[in-house]
Amino acid sequence: MKFLLRFVLFFFIITFSACERKSCTDVICPGINSTCINGQCYCQAGYEGDNCDILSYKKYVGSYQVSESCTTTFSGYVNQSYSASISPGFQIDVITIGNFANRGLPVDVTIIDATYLAIVEQNIGAVNVSGGQGTYQVFNNRIEFDYNYTVSGNFHSCTGIFTKF
């Protein structure tokens, strides 16, 4: 029994000491827009690519055809198609959707990484956007967003497919 207890104790000591965080001391990350965290190189917010030298927002900027499907508290299920645009935002890792939900309003979107976007809570006039997320589909050159917003007490839960043209 003592042997088994010592073996288990030895095993845990070896296992946990092997899980130390990696150091960035000897790590050289490519480009000036990258940083080392726990021995791994990551691009700083707003940059991507092997050398972290590509501005992420550039691939999103342009005109889009949007196909939107929403469930609402007022009128049930609603589908609509409309045009929207995406432009650079107020920070390097932010883009702005123009004509959000076909309401003529701008909504800011944060670029999380090369393919993932987040819509944070924001109020634009009478519209309260309670958040959402999007995924950039490289091969289709489109973005699929899921988002929620409220206008005049009517809650909308939507999926919008933004196809660049």
Protein backbone atom coordinates (compact mmCIF):
# COMPACT_ATOMS: atom_id res chain seq x y z
CA MET A 1 0.00 0.00 0.00
CA LYS A 2 2.84 2.39 0.87
CA PHE A 3 4.46 1.65 -2.48
CA LEU A 4 1.24 2.42 -4.34
CA LEU A 5 0.78 5.68 -2.43
CA ARG A 6 4.36 6.74 -3.19
CA PHE A 7 3.91 5.82 -6.86
CA VAL A 8 0.71 7.88 -7.12
CA LEU A 9 2.36 10.84 -5.36
CA PHE A 10 5.41 10.59 -7.63
CA PHE A 11 3.15 10.38 -10.72
CA PHE A 12 1.25 13.54 -9.73
CA ILE A 13 4.44 15.48 -9.01
CA ILE A 14 5.93 14.54 -12.40
CA THR A 15 2.65 15.21 -14.24
CA PHE A 16 2.02 18.64 -12.74
CA SER A 17 5.62 19.81 -13.06
CA ALA A 18 5.49 18.88 -16.77
CA CYS A 19 2.51 21.23 -17.26
CA GLU A 20 4.48 24.40 -16.59
CA ARG A 21 3.71 27.31 -18.85
CA LYS A 22 6.12 27.66 -21.71
CA SER A 23 8.42 30.64 -21.67
CA CYS A 24 8.73 33.27 -24.38
CA THR A 25 12.37 33.93 -23.50
CA ASP A 26 13.83 32.19 -26.57
CA VAL A 27 10.84 32.67 -28.91
CA ILE A 28 11.17 35.12 -31.79
CA CYS A 29 7.81 35.92 -33.37
CA PRO A 30 7.60 37.03 -37.02
CA GLY A 31 6.88 40.67 -37.80
CA ILE A 32 6.20 43.61 -35.53
CA ASN A 33 2.48 42.79 -35.21
CA SER A 34 2.91 39.52 -33.34
CA THR A 35 3.41 38.68 -29.70
CA CYS A 36 4.42 35.64 -27.69
CA ILE A 37 2.10 34.16 -25.06
CA ASN A 38 3.11 30.99 -23.20
CA GLY A 39 5.70 30.12 -25.84
CA GLN A 40 3.33 30.57 -28.80
CA CYS A 41 3.27 33.42 -31.34
CA TYR A 42 -0.04 35.15 -32.04
CA CYS A 43 -0.97 38.02 -34.31
CA GLN A 44 -2.06 41.19 -32.56
CA ALA A 45 -5.69 42.28 -32.92
CA GLY A 46 -6.43 43.41 -36.46
CA TYR A 47 -3.63 41.43 -38.14
CA GLU A 48 -3.32 37.96 -39.64
CA GLY A 49 -1.09 35.86 -41.89
CA ASP A 50 2.12 33.92 -41.37
CA ASN A 51 4.04 37.13 -40.61
CA CYS A 52 1.10 39.00 -39.03
CA ASP A 53 1.46 41.64 -41.74
CA ILE A 54 -2.02 41.45 -43.32
CA LEU A 55 -4.68 43.87 -42.09
CA SER A 56 -7.72 41.71 -41.31
CA TYR A 57 -10.38 44.32 -42.08
CA LYS A 58 -9.40 44.67 -45.76
CA LYS A 59 -10.99 41.38 -46.84
CA TYR A 60 -14.35 42.46 -45.40
CA VAL A 61 -14.60 45.95 -46.93
CA GLY A 62 -17.08 46.14 -49.81
CA SER A 63 -20.69 45.76 -50.89
CA TYR A 64 -22.84 42.80 -49.93
CA GLN A 65 -26.14 41.19 -50.84
CA VAL A 66 -27.80 40.06 -47.61
CA SER A 67 -30.32 37.27 -47.19
CA GLU A 68 -31.81 37.59 -43.72
CA SER A 69 -34.15 35.29 -41.78
CA CYS A 70 -35.57 36.48 -38.46
CA THR A 71 -37.92 35.28 -35.80
CA THR A 72 -39.67 38.25 -34.17
CA THR A 73 -42.01 38.72 -31.23
CA PHE A 74 -44.36 40.89 -33.30
CA SER A 75 -44.76 39.23 -36.68
CA GLY A 76 -43.32 35.73 -36.29
CA TYR A 77 -40.95 34.64 -39.04
CA VAL A 78 -39.63 37.24 -41.52
CA ASN A 79 -37.32 36.84 -44.54
CA GLN A 80 -35.82 39.74 -46.44
CA SER A 81 -33.07 40.52 -48.95
CA TYR A 82 -31.23 43.81 -49.12
CA SER A 83 -27.88 45.44 -49.85
CA ALA A 84 -25.41 46.39 -47.15
CA SER A 85 -21.83 47.55 -47.01
CA ILE A 86 -18.87 46.97 -44.75
CA SER A 87 -16.30 49.68 -44.15
CA PRO A 88 -13.27 50.09 -41.86
CA GLY A 89 -14.26 50.86 -38.28
CA PHE A 90 -12.91 53.24 -35.67
CA GLN A 91 -10.13 50.82 -34.64
CA ILE A 92 -7.89 48.48 -36.63
CA ASP A 93 -9.82 45.42 -35.41
CA VAL A 94 -13.31 46.85 -36.01
CA ILE A 95 -15.47 46.97 -39.15
CA THR A 96 -18.80 48.73 -39.59
CA ILE A 97 -21.85 47.21 -41.26
CA GLY A 98 -23.85 49.88 -43.08
CA ASN A 99 -27.61 49.35 -43.44
CA PHE A 100 -27.70 46.79 -40.63
CA ALA A 101 -30.93 44.74 -40.74
CA ASN A 102 -32.06 46.92 -43.67
CA ARG A 103 -32.65 49.80 -41.24
CA GLY A 104 -30.03 52.21 -42.63
CA LEU A 105 -28.02 52.01 -39.40
CA PRO A 106 -24.30 51.40 -38.82
CA VAL A 107 -23.29 48.57 -36.47
CA ASP A 108 -19.73 47.97 -35.29
CA VAL A 109 -18.27 44.47 -35.44
CA THR A 110 -15.05 43.33 -33.74
CA ILE A 111 -12.64 41.10 -35.66
CA ILE A 112 -11.67 38.35 -33.20
CA ASP A 113 -9.45 36.33 -35.55
CA ALA A 114 -9.08 35.54 -39.27
CA THR A 115 -12.58 34.01 -39.55
CA TYR A 116 -14.54 34.94 -36.40
CA LEU A 117 -16.39 38.22 -35.79
CA ALA A 118 -18.33 39.49 -32.76
CA ILE A 119 -21.15 42.02 -32.63
CA VAL A 120 -21.08 43.60 -29.18
CA GLU A 121 -24.09 45.14 -27.50
CA GLN A 122 -24.79 48.65 -28.81
CA ASN A 123 -27.62 51.15 -29.11
CA ILE A 124 -28.18 52.96 -32.39
CA GLY A 125 -31.11 55.33 -32.14
CA ALA A 126 -34.21 53.28 -31.34
CA VAL A 127 -32.45 49.97 -32.13
CA ASN A 128 -30.79 48.00 -29.33
CA VAL A 129 -28.41 45.38 -30.72
CA SER A 130 -27.93 42.81 -27.97
CA GLY A 131 -25.05 41.01 -29.67
CA GLY A 132 -24.12 38.37 -32.15
CA GLN A 133 -21.36 36.55 -33.94
CA GLY A 134 -20.21 35.91 -37.45
CA THR A 135 -18.06 33.46 -39.34
CA TYR A 136 -16.17 34.38 -42.50
CA GLN A 137 -16.37 31.62 -45.09
CA VAL A 138 -13.20 31.99 -47.16
CA PHE A 139 -14.19 29.81 -50.13
CA ASN A 140 -17.64 31.44 -50.58
CA ASN A 141 -16.37 34.97 -49.80
CA ARG A 142 -19.32 35.47 -47.48
CA ILE A 143 -20.09 36.00 -43.81
CA GLU A 144 -22.80 34.25 -41.85
CA PHE A 145 -23.99 36.31 -38.90
CA ASP A 146 -26.33 35.37 -36.05
CA TYR A 147 -27.54 38.43 -34.14
CA ASN A 148 -30.30 39.78 -31.94
CA TYR A 149 -31.80 43.23 -31.78
CA THR A 150 -34.85 44.99 -30.42
CA VAL A 151 -36.72 47.90 -32.00
CA SER A 152 -39.88 49.45 -30.54
CA GLY A 153 -40.23 46.54 -28.10
CA ASN A 154 -40.11 43.95 -30.90
CA PHE A 155 -37.30 41.40 -30.41
CA HIS A 156 -35.58 39.97 -33.51
CA SER A 157 -33.38 36.87 -33.56
CA CYS A 158 -31.76 36.70 -37.01
CA THR A 159 -29.37 34.90 -39.28
CA GLY A 160 -27.94 36.99 -42.10
CA ILE A 161 -25.88 35.63 -44.99
CA PHE A 162 -23.68 38.46 -46.33
CA THR A 163 -22.39 37.62 -49.83
CA LYS A 164 -19.83 40.01 -51.28
CA PHE A 165 -20.40 41.29 -54.81
